[in-house]
Protein backbone atom coordinates (compact mmCIF):
# COMPACT_ATOMS: atom_id res chain seq x y z
CA UNK A 1 30.38 -12.64 0.34
CA UNK A 2 32.90 -14.09 -2.09
CA UNK A 3 36.57 -14.21 -1.09
CA UNK A 4 37.42 -11.38 -3.47
CA UNK A 5 35.26 -8.87 -1.61
CA UNK A 6 37.04 -6.51 0.79
CA UNK A 7 35.66 -4.73 3.82
CA UNK A 8 37.00 -2.24 6.33
CA UNK A 9 37.48 -2.89 10.05
CA UNK A 10 33.76 -2.32 10.65
CA UNK A 11 32.63 -4.81 7.98
CA UNK A 12 31.56 -2.13 5.50
CA UNK A 13 32.02 -2.74 1.79
CA UNK A 14 35.07 -1.23 0.10
CA UNK A 15 34.85 -0.76 -3.65
CA UNK A 16 32.09 -2.15 -5.84
CA UNK A 17 30.15 -5.37 -5.47
CA UNK A 18 26.83 -7.01 -6.41
CA UNK A 19 24.23 -8.28 -3.97
CA UNK A 20 21.74 -10.96 -5.05
CA UNK A 21 18.65 -10.23 -2.99
CA UNK A 22 15.44 -12.20 -2.56
CA UNK A 23 12.49 -9.80 -2.83
CA UNK A 24 9.84 -12.31 -1.77
CA UNK A 25 6.69 -13.43 -3.57
CA UNK A 26 5.01 -10.04 -4.07
CA UNK A 27 3.86 -8.53 -0.77
CA UNK A 28 6.25 -5.61 -0.01
CA UNK A 29 5.87 -6.38 3.69
CA UNK A 30 7.72 -9.67 3.21
CA UNK A 31 11.05 -7.97 2.48
CA UNK A 32 13.51 -8.84 5.23
CA UNK A 33 15.19 -6.24 7.44
CA UNK A 34 18.51 -7.12 5.82
CA UNK A 35 17.00 -6.60 2.37
CA UNK A 36 15.80 -3.10 3.27
CA UNK A 37 19.23 -2.29 4.69
CA UNK A 38 21.00 -3.44 1.51
CA UNK A 39 18.59 -1.62 -0.82
CA UNK A 40 19.31 1.64 1.01
CA UNK A 41 22.93 1.42 -0.16
CA UNK A 42 22.23 0.54 -3.81
CA UNK A 43 23.82 2.54 -6.60
CA UNK A 44 22.38 0.33 -9.34
CA UNK A 45 19.17 -1.72 -9.02
CA UNK A 46 18.49 -4.63 -11.38
CA UNK A 47 14.99 -5.84 -10.49
CA UNK A 48 12.66 -8.64 -11.49
CA UNK A 49 9.35 -7.11 -12.66
CA UNK A 50 6.95 -8.51 -10.04
CA UNK A 51 8.64 -6.82 -7.09
CA UNK A 52 10.44 -3.96 -8.86
CA UNK A 53 8.14 -1.24 -7.53
CA UNK A 54 8.32 -2.55 -3.96
CA UNK A 55 12.11 -2.68 -3.80
CA UNK A 56 12.53 0.66 -5.57
CA UNK A 57 10.88 2.49 -2.66
CA UNK A 58 13.73 1.45 -0.35
CA UNK A 59 16.51 2.65 -2.65
CA UNK A 60 18.21 6.06 -2.62
CA UNK A 61 16.59 8.74 -4.78
CA UNK A 62 19.29 8.73 -7.47
CA UNK A 63 19.57 4.96 -7.91
CA UNK A 64 19.97 3.68 -11.48
CA UNK A 65 17.20 1.17 -12.22
CA UNK A 66 17.06 -1.64 -14.80
CA UNK A 67 14.09 -3.98 -15.21
CA UNK A 68 13.48 -6.84 -17.67
CA UNK A 69 11.84 -5.79 -20.91
CA UNK A 70 12.42 -2.08 -20.23
CA UNK A 71 12.54 -0.37 -23.62
CA UNK A 72 12.28 3.19 -22.33
CA UNK A 73 15.68 3.37 -20.71
CA UNK A 74 16.83 3.10 -17.13
CA UNK A 75 15.11 5.10 -14.46
CA UNK A 76 17.40 7.25 -12.37
CA UNK A 77 20.77 8.86 -12.50
CA UNK A 78 23.14 7.56 -15.10
CA UNK A 79 20.68 5.28 -16.89
CA UNK A 80 20.64 5.12 -20.66
CA UNK A 81 18.43 3.52 -23.26
CA UNK A 82 21.41 1.41 -24.27
CA UNK A 83 21.69 -0.05 -20.77
CA UNK A 84 18.00 -0.94 -20.76
CA UNK A 85 18.07 -2.56 -24.16
CA UNK A 86 21.10 -4.60 -23.18
CA UNK A 87 19.44 -5.99 -20.04
CA UNK A 88 16.07 -6.56 -21.68
CA UNK A 89 17.00 -10.08 -22.80
CA UNK A 90 17.91 -10.79 -19.17
CA UNK A 91 20.71 -13.19 -19.98
CA UNK A 92 23.51 -13.90 -17.54
CA UNK A 93 26.12 -12.54 -19.97
CA UNK A 94 24.31 -9.23 -20.43
CA UNK A 95 23.91 -8.81 -16.71
CA UNK A 96 27.54 -9.74 -16.09
CA UNK A 97 28.64 -6.97 -18.45
CA UNK A 98 26.43 -4.42 -16.72
CA UNK A 99 27.61 -5.56 -13.29
CA UNK A 100 31.29 -5.63 -14.25
CA UNK A 101 31.16 -2.04 -15.51
CA UNK A 102 29.38 -0.80 -12.38
CA UNK A 103 31.57 -2.71 -9.92
CA UNK A 104 34.73 -1.55 -11.67
CA UNK A 105 33.50 2.01 -11.06
CA UNK A 106 33.13 1.20 -7.35
CA UNK A 107 29.33 0.99 -7.41
CA UNK A 108 27.02 -1.29 -5.44
CA UNK A 109 24.73 -3.31 -7.73
CA UNK A 110 21.66 -4.87 -6.09
CA UNK A 111 20.13 -7.63 -8.18
CA UNK A 112 16.67 -8.41 -6.80
CA UNK A 113 15.01 -11.72 -7.61
CA UNK A 114 11.32 -12.53 -7.11
CA UNK A 115 11.14 -15.04 -4.29
CA UNK A 116 14.51 -16.39 -3.14
CA UNK A 117 17.72 -16.31 -5.24
CA UNK A 118 18.69 -19.79 -4.04
CA UNK A 119 15.67 -21.23 -5.85
CA UNK A 120 16.11 -19.22 -9.04
CA UNK A 121 18.12 -20.85 -11.83
CA UNK A 122 18.86 -17.54 -13.55
CA UNK A 123 20.29 -16.10 -10.35
CA UNK A 124 22.58 -19.12 -10.02
CA UNK A 125 23.89 -18.52 -13.57
CA UNK A 126 24.47 -14.86 -12.81
CA UNK A 127 26.35 -15.73 -9.61
CA UNK A 128 28.57 -18.12 -11.56
CA UNK A 129 29.28 -15.36 -14.07
CA UNK A 130 30.31 -13.06 -11.22
CA UNK A 131 32.51 -15.76 -9.68
CA UNK A 132 34.17 -16.42 -13.04
CA UNK A 133 34.99 -12.73 -13.44
CA UNK A 134 36.04 -12.44 -9.78
CA UNK A 135 33.33 -9.90 -9.08
CA UNK A 136 32.61 -9.59 -5.33
CA UNK A 137 29.07 -10.64 -4.45
CA UNK A 138 26.87 -11.63 -1.53
CA UNK A 139 23.45 -13.26 -1.22
CA UNK A 140 20.49 -12.08 0.87
CA UNK A 141 17.81 -14.80 1.03
CA UNK A 142 14.12 -13.96 0.66
CA UNK A 143 10.74 -15.60 1.24
CA UNK A 144 10.38 -18.22 -1.49
CA UNK A 145 7.21 -18.08 -3.59
CA UNK A 146 6.63 -21.79 -3.06
CA UNK A 147 6.49 -21.20 0.70
CA UNK A 148 4.98 -17.71 0.97
CA UNK A 149 2.10 -18.16 -1.48
CA UNK A 150 0.59 -21.28 0.17
CA UNK A 151 0.86 -19.53 3.55
CA UNK A 152 -1.18 -16.58 2.21
CA UNK A 153 -3.65 -19.03 0.66
CA UNK A 154 -4.26 -20.65 4.04
CA UNK A 155 -2.64 -23.96 3.08
CA UNK A 156 -0.01 -25.12 5.61
CA UNK A 157 2.43 -27.46 3.92
CA UNK A 158 2.87 -29.77 6.88
CA UNK A 159 0.47 -31.11 9.46
CA UNK A 160 1.16 -32.69 12.85
CA UNK A 161 2.52 -35.86 11.28
CA UNK A 162 5.17 -33.90 9.42
CA UNK A 163 4.50 -35.46 6.02
CA UNK A 164 7.12 -35.02 3.32
CA UNK A 165 6.90 -31.89 1.13
CA UNK A 166 8.29 -31.80 -2.39
CA UNK A 167 8.77 -28.65 -4.47
CA UNK A 168 8.29 -29.02 -8.21
CA UNK A 169 8.89 -26.79 -11.23
CA UNK A 170 6.51 -28.24 -13.84
CA UNK A 171 8.31 -26.54 -16.72
CA UNK A 172 11.60 -28.34 -16.11
CA UNK A 173 10.47 -31.71 -14.71
CA UNK A 174 11.77 -34.77 -16.59
CA UNK A 175 9.45 -37.73 -17.42
CA UNK A 176 10.93 -39.88 -14.67
CA UNK A 177 10.21 -37.06 -12.23
CA UNK A 178 6.50 -37.22 -13.03
CA UNK A 179 6.55 -40.95 -12.40
CA UNK A 180 8.16 -40.43 -8.98
CA UNK A 181 5.65 -37.76 -8.02
CA UNK A 182 2.71 -39.87 -9.10
CA UNK A 183 3.60 -42.71 -6.73
CA UNK A 184 4.77 -40.76 -3.67
CA UNK A 185 2.59 -39.63 -0.73
CA UNK A 186 4.27 -36.24 -0.27
CA UNK A 187 2.48 -32.91 -0.35
CA UNK A 188 3.43 -31.35 -3.69
CA UNK A 189 4.05 -27.65 -4.20
CA UNK A 190 4.05 -27.12 -7.95
CA UNK A 191 5.27 -23.99 -9.67
CA UNK A 192 3.52 -23.75 -13.03
CA UNK A 193 1.40 -21.42 -15.18
CA UNK A 194 -2.33 -21.08 -15.60
CA UNK A 195 -2.16 -22.59 -19.08
CA UNK A 196 -0.04 -25.53 -17.92
CA UNK A 197 -2.07 -26.34 -14.81
CA UNK A 198 -4.68 -28.70 -16.34
CA UNK A 199 -1.92 -30.64 -18.13
CA UNK A 200 0.07 -30.77 -14.90
CA UNK A 201 -2.92 -32.22 -13.04
CA UNK A 202 -3.50 -34.74 -15.83
CA UNK A 203 0.16 -35.80 -15.78
CA UNK A 204 0.01 -36.47 -12.05
CA UNK A 205 -3.11 -38.66 -12.35
CA UNK A 206 -1.64 -40.44 -15.36
CA UNK A 207 1.38 -41.41 -13.25
CA UNK A 208 -0.57 -42.71 -10.27
CA UNK A 209 -1.93 -39.84 -8.18
CA UNK A 210 -5.57 -40.34 -7.22
CA UNK A 211 -7.91 -38.17 -9.33
CA UNK A 212 -9.72 -37.02 -6.17
CA UNK A 213 -6.51 -35.67 -4.60
CA UNK A 214 -7.25 -32.14 -3.23
CA UNK A 215 -5.60 -29.29 -5.11
CA UNK A 216 -5.34 -25.55 -4.56
CA UNK A 217 -4.13 -23.14 -7.25
CA UNK A 218 -3.17 -19.56 -6.39
CA UNK A 219 -2.68 -16.68 -8.84
CA UNK A 220 -1.18 -13.34 -7.79
CA UNK A 221 -0.05 -14.84 -4.49
CA UNK A 222 0.55 -12.53 -1.47
CA UNK A 223 -0.81 -9.48 -3.33
CA UNK A 224 -4.26 -7.93 -3.12
CA UNK A 225 -4.96 -9.51 -6.50
CA UNK A 226 -4.52 -13.00 -5.05
CA UNK A 227 -7.09 -15.56 -6.14
CA UNK A 228 -7.15 -19.19 -4.99
CA UNK A 229 -9.15 -22.04 -6.51
CA UNK A 230 -9.72 -25.34 -4.73
CA UNK A 231 -10.65 -28.50 -6.59
CA UNK A 232 -9.18 -31.96 -7.23
CA UNK A 233 -6.73 -33.14 -9.83
CA UNK A 234 -9.69 -34.40 -11.86
CA UNK A 235 -11.84 -31.26 -11.59
CA UNK A 236 -9.39 -28.34 -11.67
CA UNK A 237 -9.72 -27.72 -15.42
CA UNK A 238 -13.52 -27.52 -15.18
CA UNK A 239 -13.24 -25.30 -12.08
CA UNK A 240 -11.02 -22.80 -13.90
CA UNK A 241 -13.34 -22.73 -16.91
CA UNK A 242 -16.34 -22.23 -14.65
CA UNK A 243 -14.55 -19.31 -13.00
CA UNK A 244 -13.86 -17.87 -16.48
CA UNK A 245 -10.09 -17.84 -16.17
CA UNK A 246 -9.56 -20.46 -18.88
CA UNK A 247 -10.89 -20.07 -22.46
CA UNK A 248 -14.60 -20.57 -22.93
CA UNK A 249 -17.14 -19.41 -25.55
CA UNK A 250 -18.42 -16.60 -23.29
CA UNK A 251 -15.36 -15.19 -21.54
CA UNK A 252 -11.97 -13.69 -22.20
CA UNK A 253 -9.31 -15.80 -20.49
CA UNK A 254 -6.61 -14.65 -18.12
CA UNK A 255 -3.14 -14.71 -19.69
CA UNK A 256 -2.18 -18.41 -19.79
CA UNK A 257 1.38 -17.47 -18.81
CA UNK A 258 0.14 -16.18 -15.44
CA UNK A 259 2.29 -17.86 -12.74
CA UNK A 260 0.48 -20.29 -10.45
CA UNK A 261 1.54 -21.97 -7.22
CA UNK A 262 -0.44 -25.20 -6.81
CA UNK A 263 -0.53 -27.45 -3.75
CA UNK A 264 -1.57 -31.10 -4.08
CA UNK A 265 -2.35 -33.12 -0.96
CA UNK A 266 -4.57 -33.47 2.08
CA UNK A 267 -3.27 -30.20 3.55
CA UNK A 268 -5.43 -28.32 1.04
CA UNK A 269 -8.48 -29.30 3.10
CA UNK A 270 -7.36 -26.94 5.88
CA UNK A 271 -7.90 -23.89 3.68
CA UNK A 272 -11.59 -23.61 4.61
CA UNK A 273 -10.55 -22.88 8.20
CA UNK A 274 -7.22 -21.11 7.64
CA UNK A 275 -7.87 -18.74 4.73
CA UNK A 276 -6.92 -15.49 6.49
CA UNK A 277 -5.77 -13.27 3.62
CA UNK A 278 -8.47 -13.48 0.96
CA UNK A 279 -11.16 -13.21 3.65
CA UNK A 280 -10.13 -9.73 4.77
CA UNK A 281 -13.18 -7.41 4.78
CA UNK A 282 -12.11 -5.27 1.82
CA UNK A 283 -9.92 -7.79 0.02
CA UNK A 284 -9.20 -6.62 -3.53
CA UNK A 285 -11.43 -3.53 -3.27
CA UNK A 286 -10.21 -0.55 -5.28
CA UNK A 287 -10.79 2.36 -2.90
CA UNK A 288 -10.51 5.97 -3.98
CA UNK A 289 -8.91 8.25 -1.38
CA UNK A 290 -9.50 11.87 -2.44
CA UNK A 291 -7.12 13.73 -0.13
CA UNK A 292 -3.76 15.42 -0.40
CA UNK A 293 -0.90 12.91 -0.67
CA UNK A 294 0.39 13.75 2.82
CA UNK A 295 -3.05 13.31 4.39
CA UNK A 296 -3.79 10.11 2.49
CA UNK A 297 -0.70 8.14 3.54
CA UNK A 298 -1.88 6.84 6.94
CA UNK A 299 -5.41 6.26 5.64
CA UNK A 300 -4.07 4.22 2.72
CA UNK A 301 -1.96 2.11 5.10
CA UNK A 302 -5.05 1.34 7.16
CA UNK A 303 -7.03 0.39 4.06
CA UNK A 304 -4.24 -1.98 2.97
CA UNK A 305 -4.48 -3.72 6.34
CA UNK A 306 -8.10 -4.55 5.42
CA UNK A 307 -6.99 -5.98 2.06
CA UNK A 308 -7.97 -2.97 -0.05
CA UNK A 309 -6.04 -1.36 -2.91
CA UNK A 310 -6.05 2.40 -2.18
CA UNK A 311 -5.75 4.94 -5.00
CA UNK A 312 -4.81 8.42 -3.81
CA UNK A 313 -6.32 11.24 -5.87
CA UNK A 314 -5.60 14.71 -4.49
CA UNK A 315 -8.64 16.97 -4.71
CA UNK A 316 -7.20 19.79 -2.63
CA UNK A 317 -3.85 21.49 -2.99
CA UNK A 318 -2.43 23.40 -0.02
CA UNK A 319 -0.72 26.70 -0.81
CA UNK A 320 0.72 29.55 1.28
CA UNK A 321 -1.52 32.55 2.02
CA UNK A 322 -1.54 35.27 -0.62
CA UNK A 323 -0.25 37.82 1.91
CA UNK A 324 2.25 36.40 4.42
CA UNK A 325 2.24 39.43 6.74
CA UNK A 326 -0.46 37.97 9.02
CA UNK A 327 1.51 34.82 9.69
CA UNK A 328 4.74 36.77 10.15
CA UNK A 329 3.11 38.95 12.84
CA UNK A 330 1.60 35.86 14.48
CA UNK A 331 4.95 34.06 14.73
CA UNK A 332 6.52 37.20 16.17
CA UNK A 333 3.67 37.33 18.70
CA UNK A 334 4.34 33.74 19.72
CA UNK A 335 7.96 34.55 20.47
CA UNK A 336 7.23 37.83 22.31
CA UNK A 337 4.49 36.41 24.58
CA UNK A 338 1.38 37.86 22.93
CA UNK A 339 -0.65 34.65 23.30
CA UNK A 340 -1.86 32.46 26.16
CA UNK A 341 -3.02 29.70 23.79
CA UNK A 342 -2.47 28.47 20.23
CA UNK A 343 -5.09 26.13 18.76
CA UNK A 344 -4.35 23.76 15.85
CA UNK A 345 -7.34 22.46 13.92
CA UNK A 346 -5.49 20.47 11.23
CA UNK A 347 -2.20 18.86 10.30
CA UNK A 348 -1.83 21.50 7.59
CA UNK A 349 -1.94 24.24 10.23
CA UNK A 350 0.84 22.51 12.16
CA UNK A 351 2.87 22.20 8.96
CA UNK A 352 2.35 25.88 8.09
CA UNK A 353 3.55 27.07 11.51
CA UNK A 354 6.46 24.63 11.50
CA UNK A 355 7.61 25.87 8.09
CA UNK A 356 7.53 29.47 9.33
CA UNK A 357 9.51 28.47 12.41
CA UNK A 358 12.16 26.82 10.25
CA UNK A 359 12.24 29.87 7.98
CA UNK A 360 13.10 32.05 10.99
CA UNK A 361 15.52 29.56 12.57
CA UNK A 362 13.12 28.66 15.40
CA UNK A 363 12.20 25.26 16.81
CA UNK A 364 9.71 23.78 19.28
CA UNK A 365 11.33 25.64 22.19
CA UNK A 366 9.58 28.79 20.99
CA UNK A 367 6.33 27.31 22.38
CA UNK A 368 7.67 27.57 25.95
CA UNK A 369 5.07 29.19 28.20
CA UNK A 370 2.27 28.86 25.62
CA UNK A 371 -0.61 26.41 26.04
CA UNK A 372 -1.21 24.28 22.94
CA UNK A 373 -4.54 22.76 21.86
CA UNK A 374 -5.14 20.16 19.14
CA UNK A 375 -8.48 19.31 17.57
CA UNK A 376 -7.81 15.55 17.36
CA UNK A 377 -5.33 12.70 17.50
CA UNK A 378 -3.92 13.15 13.99
CA UNK A 379 -3.20 16.83 14.58
CA UNK A 380 -1.76 16.01 18.00
CA UNK A 381 0.62 13.47 16.44
CA UNK A 382 1.85 16.10 13.98
CA UNK A 383 2.63 18.34 16.96
CA UNK A 384 4.43 15.55 18.79
CA UNK A 385 6.51 14.93 15.66
CA UNK A 386 7.41 18.63 15.83
CA UNK A 387 8.46 18.23 19.47
CA UNK A 388 5.35 19.77 21.07
CA UNK A 389 3.02 17.93 23.43
CA UNK A 390 -0.55 19.34 23.35
CA UNK A 391 -1.99 20.61 26.62
CA UNK A 392 -5.60 20.22 25.50
CA UNK A 393 -7.46 17.77 23.27
CA UNK A 394 -11.19 17.02 23.05
CA UNK A 395 -12.29 14.38 25.54
CA UNK A 396 -15.24 13.52 23.30
CA UNK A 397 -15.88 14.34 19.67
CA UNK A 398 -12.70 15.22 17.78
CA UNK A 399 -13.91 18.42 16.17
CA UNK A 400 -13.98 22.16 16.78
CA UNK A 401 -17.22 21.71 18.74
CA UNK A 402 -15.64 18.95 20.82
CA UNK A 403 -12.60 21.12 21.54
CA UNK A 404 -14.84 23.97 22.69
CA UNK A 405 -16.62 21.70 25.16
CA UNK A 406 -13.31 21.21 27.02
CA UNK A 407 -11.87 24.69 26.52
CA UNK A 408 -11.66 26.67 29.80
CA UNK A 409 -13.30 30.11 29.97
CA UNK A 410 -11.01 33.10 30.29
CA UNK A 411 -10.22 33.83 33.92
CA UNK A 412 -8.34 37.10 34.53
CA UNK A 413 -7.01 35.71 37.82
CA UNK A 414 -5.37 32.61 36.35
CA UNK A 415 -4.81 33.72 32.76
CA UNK A 416 -2.29 36.57 32.48
CA UNK A 417 -3.03 36.93 28.76
CA UNK A 418 -6.49 36.79 27.16
CA UNK A 419 -5.49 36.10 23.58
CA UNK A 420 -5.62 32.89 21.46
CA UNK A 421 -3.80 32.34 18.15
CA UNK A 422 -5.81 30.32 15.65
CA UNK A 423 -3.78 29.50 12.48
CA UNK A 424 -6.06 27.80 9.97
CA UNK A 425 -7.30 27.49 6.39
CA UNK A 426 -8.81 30.36 4.47
CA UNK A 427 -12.12 28.46 4.12
CA UNK A 428 -12.47 27.20 7.71
CA UNK A 429 -15.78 27.57 9.55
CA UNK A 430 -16.31 30.16 12.30
CA UNK A 431 -17.42 27.65 14.96
CA UNK A 432 -14.24 27.76 17.02
CA UNK A 433 -13.75 31.53 16.75
CA UNK A 434 -17.29 32.29 17.90
CA UNK A 435 -17.10 29.76 20.72
CA UNK A 436 -13.82 31.13 22.08
CA UNK A 437 -15.17 34.67 22.03
CA UNK A 438 -18.21 33.48 23.98
CA UNK A 439 -15.80 32.04 26.56
CA UNK A 440 -14.20 35.45 26.99
CA UNK A 441 -11.10 35.06 24.83
CA UNK A 442 -9.73 37.40 22.21
CA UNK A 443 -8.89 35.51 19.02
CA UNK A 444 -6.30 36.25 16.35
CA UNK A 445 -7.83 34.31 13.44
CA UNK A 446 -4.91 33.98 11.02
CA UNK A 447 -4.87 32.46 7.53
CA UNK A 448 -1.97 30.01 7.71
CA UNK A 449 -2.62 28.34 4.36
CA UNK A 450 -5.03 28.30 1.44
CA UNK A 451 -6.85 25.30 0.07
CA UNK A 452 -7.39 25.29 -3.68
CA UNK A 453 -8.86 22.73 -6.04
CA UNK A 454 -6.25 20.30 -7.34
CA UNK A 455 -5.66 19.55 -11.02
CA UNK A 456 -7.83 16.83 -12.61
CA UNK A 457 -6.49 13.27 -12.30
CA UNK A 458 -5.38 11.34 -15.43
CA UNK A 459 -8.06 10.43 -17.99
CA UNK A 460 -7.94 6.74 -17.02
CA UNK A 461 -8.71 7.61 -13.39
CA UNK A 462 -11.58 9.90 -14.37
CA UNK A 463 -13.05 7.15 -16.53
CA UNK A 464 -12.73 4.63 -13.68
CA UNK A 465 -14.52 7.02 -11.32
CA UNK A 466 -17.43 7.64 -13.66
CA UNK A 467 -17.51 4.11 -15.12
CA UNK A 468 -17.65 2.12 -11.89
CA UNK A 469 -14.01 1.04 -11.75
CA UNK A 470 -13.76 1.86 -8.05
CA UNK A 471 -15.45 -0.21 -5.36
CA UNK A 472 -15.61 2.60 -2.81
CA UNK A 473 -14.68 6.23 -2.26
CA UNK A 474 -13.92 7.83 1.11
CA UNK A 475 -15.02 11.43 1.59
CA UNK A 476 -13.33 13.08 4.57
CA UNK A 477 -14.88 16.54 4.16
CA UNK A 478 -17.50 18.42 2.17
CA UNK A 479 -14.75 20.04 0.11
CA UNK A 480 -13.45 16.63 -1.03
CA UNK A 481 -16.94 15.86 -2.34
CA UNK A 482 -17.27 19.12 -4.22
CA UNK A 483 -13.75 19.04 -5.58
CA UNK A 484 -13.79 15.40 -6.70
CA UNK A 485 -17.04 15.91 -8.59
CA UNK A 486 -15.62 19.14 -10.02
CA UNK A 487 -12.34 17.68 -11.30
CA UNK A 488 -13.33 14.11 -12.14
CA UNK A 489 -17.13 13.76 -12.22
CA UNK A 490 -19.62 11.82 -10.07
CA UNK A 491 -18.72 8.29 -8.94
CA UNK A 492 -20.76 5.54 -10.61
CA UNK A 493 -23.83 4.34 -8.74
CA UNK A 494 -22.22 0.95 -7.95
CA UNK A 495 -19.44 2.66 -5.98
CA UNK A 496 -19.87 2.51 -2.21
CA UNK A 497 -19.92 6.06 -0.81
CA UNK A 498 -18.43 6.48 2.68
CA UNK A 499 -18.59 9.83 4.48
CA UNK A 500 -16.85 11.05 7.62
CA UNK A 501 -19.84 12.85 9.15
CA UNK A 502 -23.36 14.24 8.65
CA UNK A 503 -22.19 17.49 7.01
CA UNK A 504 -20.08 15.60 4.46
CA UNK A 505 -22.92 13.13 3.87
CA UNK A 506 -25.33 16.01 3.23
CA UNK A 507 -22.96 17.49 0.66
CA UNK A 508 -22.64 14.10 -1.05
CA UNK A 509 -26.43 13.76 -1.24
CA UNK A 510 -26.70 17.29 -2.64
CA UNK A 511 -24.44 16.12 -5.47
CA UNK A 512 -26.71 13.17 -6.25
CA UNK A 513 -24.74 10.52 -4.33
CA UNK A 514 -26.36 8.01 -2.02
CA UNK A 515 -24.34 7.49 1.15
CA UNK A 516 -23.74 3.84 2.10
CA UNK A 517 -21.40 4.27 5.05
CA UNK A 518 -21.36 6.98 7.71
CA UNK A 519 -18.43 7.08 10.11
CA UNK A 520 -19.41 6.77 13.82
CA UNK A 521 -16.69 9.30 14.71
CA UNK A 522 -15.24 12.25 12.78
CA UNK A 523 -11.84 10.73 12.03
CA UNK A 524 -10.32 9.17 8.94
CA UNK A 525 -9.39 6.05 10.93
CA UNK A 526 -12.97 5.57 12.09
CA UNK A 527 -14.21 6.08 8.53
CA UNK A 528 -11.90 3.38 7.15
CA UNK A 529 -12.98 1.01 9.92
CA UNK A 530 -16.65 1.70 9.15
CA UNK A 531 -16.03 0.83 5.49
CA UNK A 532 -14.31 -2.40 6.57
CA UNK A 533 -17.34 -3.27 8.73
CA UNK A 534 -19.58 -2.62 5.73
CA UNK A 535 -17.44 -4.87 3.54
CA UNK A 536 -17.43 -7.64 6.16
CA UNK A 537 -21.22 -7.49 6.55
CA UNK A 538 -21.67 -7.57 2.78
CA UNK A 539 -19.38 -10.59 2.50
CA UNK A 540 -21.12 -12.43 5.35
CA UNK A 541 -24.52 -11.81 3.77
CA UNK A 542 -23.36 -13.25 0.43
CA UNK A 543 -21.89 -16.35 2.06
CA UNK A 544 -24.98 -16.88 4.19
CA UNK A 545 -27.13 -16.73 1.06
CA UNK A 546 -24.82 -19.22 -0.67
CA UNK A 547 -23.75 -16.65 -3.24
CA UNK A 548 -20.33 -15.88 -4.66
CA UNK A 549 -18.61 -12.92 -3.04
CA UNK A 550 -18.26 -10.07 -5.53
CA UNK A 551 -16.66 -6.67 -5.19
CA UNK A 552 -19.11 -3.79 -5.85
CA UNK A 553 -17.38 -2.97 -9.14
CA UNK A 554 -17.87 -6.54 -10.39
CA UNK A 555 -21.64 -6.18 -10.51
CA UNK A 556 -24.15 -3.74 -11.89
CA UNK A 557 -27.09 -4.15 -9.51
CA UNK A 558 -30.42 -2.60 -10.39
CA UNK A 559 -30.57 -0.55 -7.22
CA UNK A 560 -28.15 0.82 -4.66
CA UNK A 561 -27.64 -0.80 -1.27
CA UNK A 562 -29.03 0.92 1.76
CA UNK A 563 -26.61 2.51 4.18
CA UNK A 564 -25.56 0.38 7.11
């Protein structure tokens, strides 16, 4: 922090200040713990475009947001179109004016920079402007693009011999600099653009680098759109044209201003063994997750761990029951000792009961003396989050049938009360109710919530679904099949269809869909893992056949794949 900043006895900021924060090369997971802590205290966020969305998620809800080129005004409390227009040119003077106004008002401005602020010339200018105006500031380093991107590409910058590494910005390198690079033996990490890359390679060979020097070039580094090309200085231009990312008579090129991190040197040869990111089983797959937003969160996180890009499209909306009297009587019965057991068959049922408890000023202590059953691990976790540990879970299949297999029969000697409360959806099946009655229990089958069809997704999403823009879709129930087809249409025949169980698969087939993946267990986690196994097998088969690895949406095969 600069000498002009003041803090209290605990080290907390007093008055306004600006924090220059490195947001890393693109992967949100590369934000440091300190960065997340600082973002949580931001009043004003000024963000570079690449990582703007990632850092915004860690800011308070009312934060004022400015991004380069924003012509629609700031996003958040206090933002104006004038502010956005003023910061659109992204000059140090414009930013200094914005910062000075905010700091004078006692606000905390967080200026996030892609990569690391210590390696960003603009950030240095902005810091100097702050120092000149005696504006308090501090710096939070981040993962530099020139270091993070090669790591995600599987190219370590140093081997056992610890060879020299030199970092180069091709856009600002002077002629003498090229001459020095051409004659040195160091591993080069070159920051350039797709359009400049062939000229950069040619300049290095012209100044003495061997034409057969290995080279890797990475676009979209550390994101699920990452793409790495390996070649030599002499062949990189032809390699890019062959891959249709540079202009050719038969393809539309990628934007030539696309940033590229290139590595030149023998270390590039290690990529064949160390490429860990782009070889994930679902790398770059666009996967449709048709569930409610709350249900989709953990599933989307799991898909990201496999390299996929999840798109959450709610097909079901959860609403309160039309008549609340049933639930009100049930909650009263819980408190007065009417029930021996309560059985939860979904996270939504837990949420519905919890909301009623909070409405009446109750908490988890109201479950004292009542046995609690959960249909599976996800539902059990929702109960634990509520402060309730389930007494019974299926030892085998996580379903109503599996729960019944472990449910004890009613015994008048050991069970003082013969009644079970079953809060559930209005469209739930009767399997559990009938099974409990057969075991001698009385069941209060209560509608805790209603499931209704969600509104149609945006037109672009509907077109992607029907036009083959998605690589896979995960169906976690028969209702998600029916509702997705109802609100958005049938997925294209190139889209991989993954279903959670036989009943869901049957519904998919009834709607004209061919099921490629069937989950070995009735859980969303098992379904995502099964899709990852499918993707890995598909990738392995392509490599074994000597073919290029394509995502399903990148091809239009004549026939569908058989389920695996």
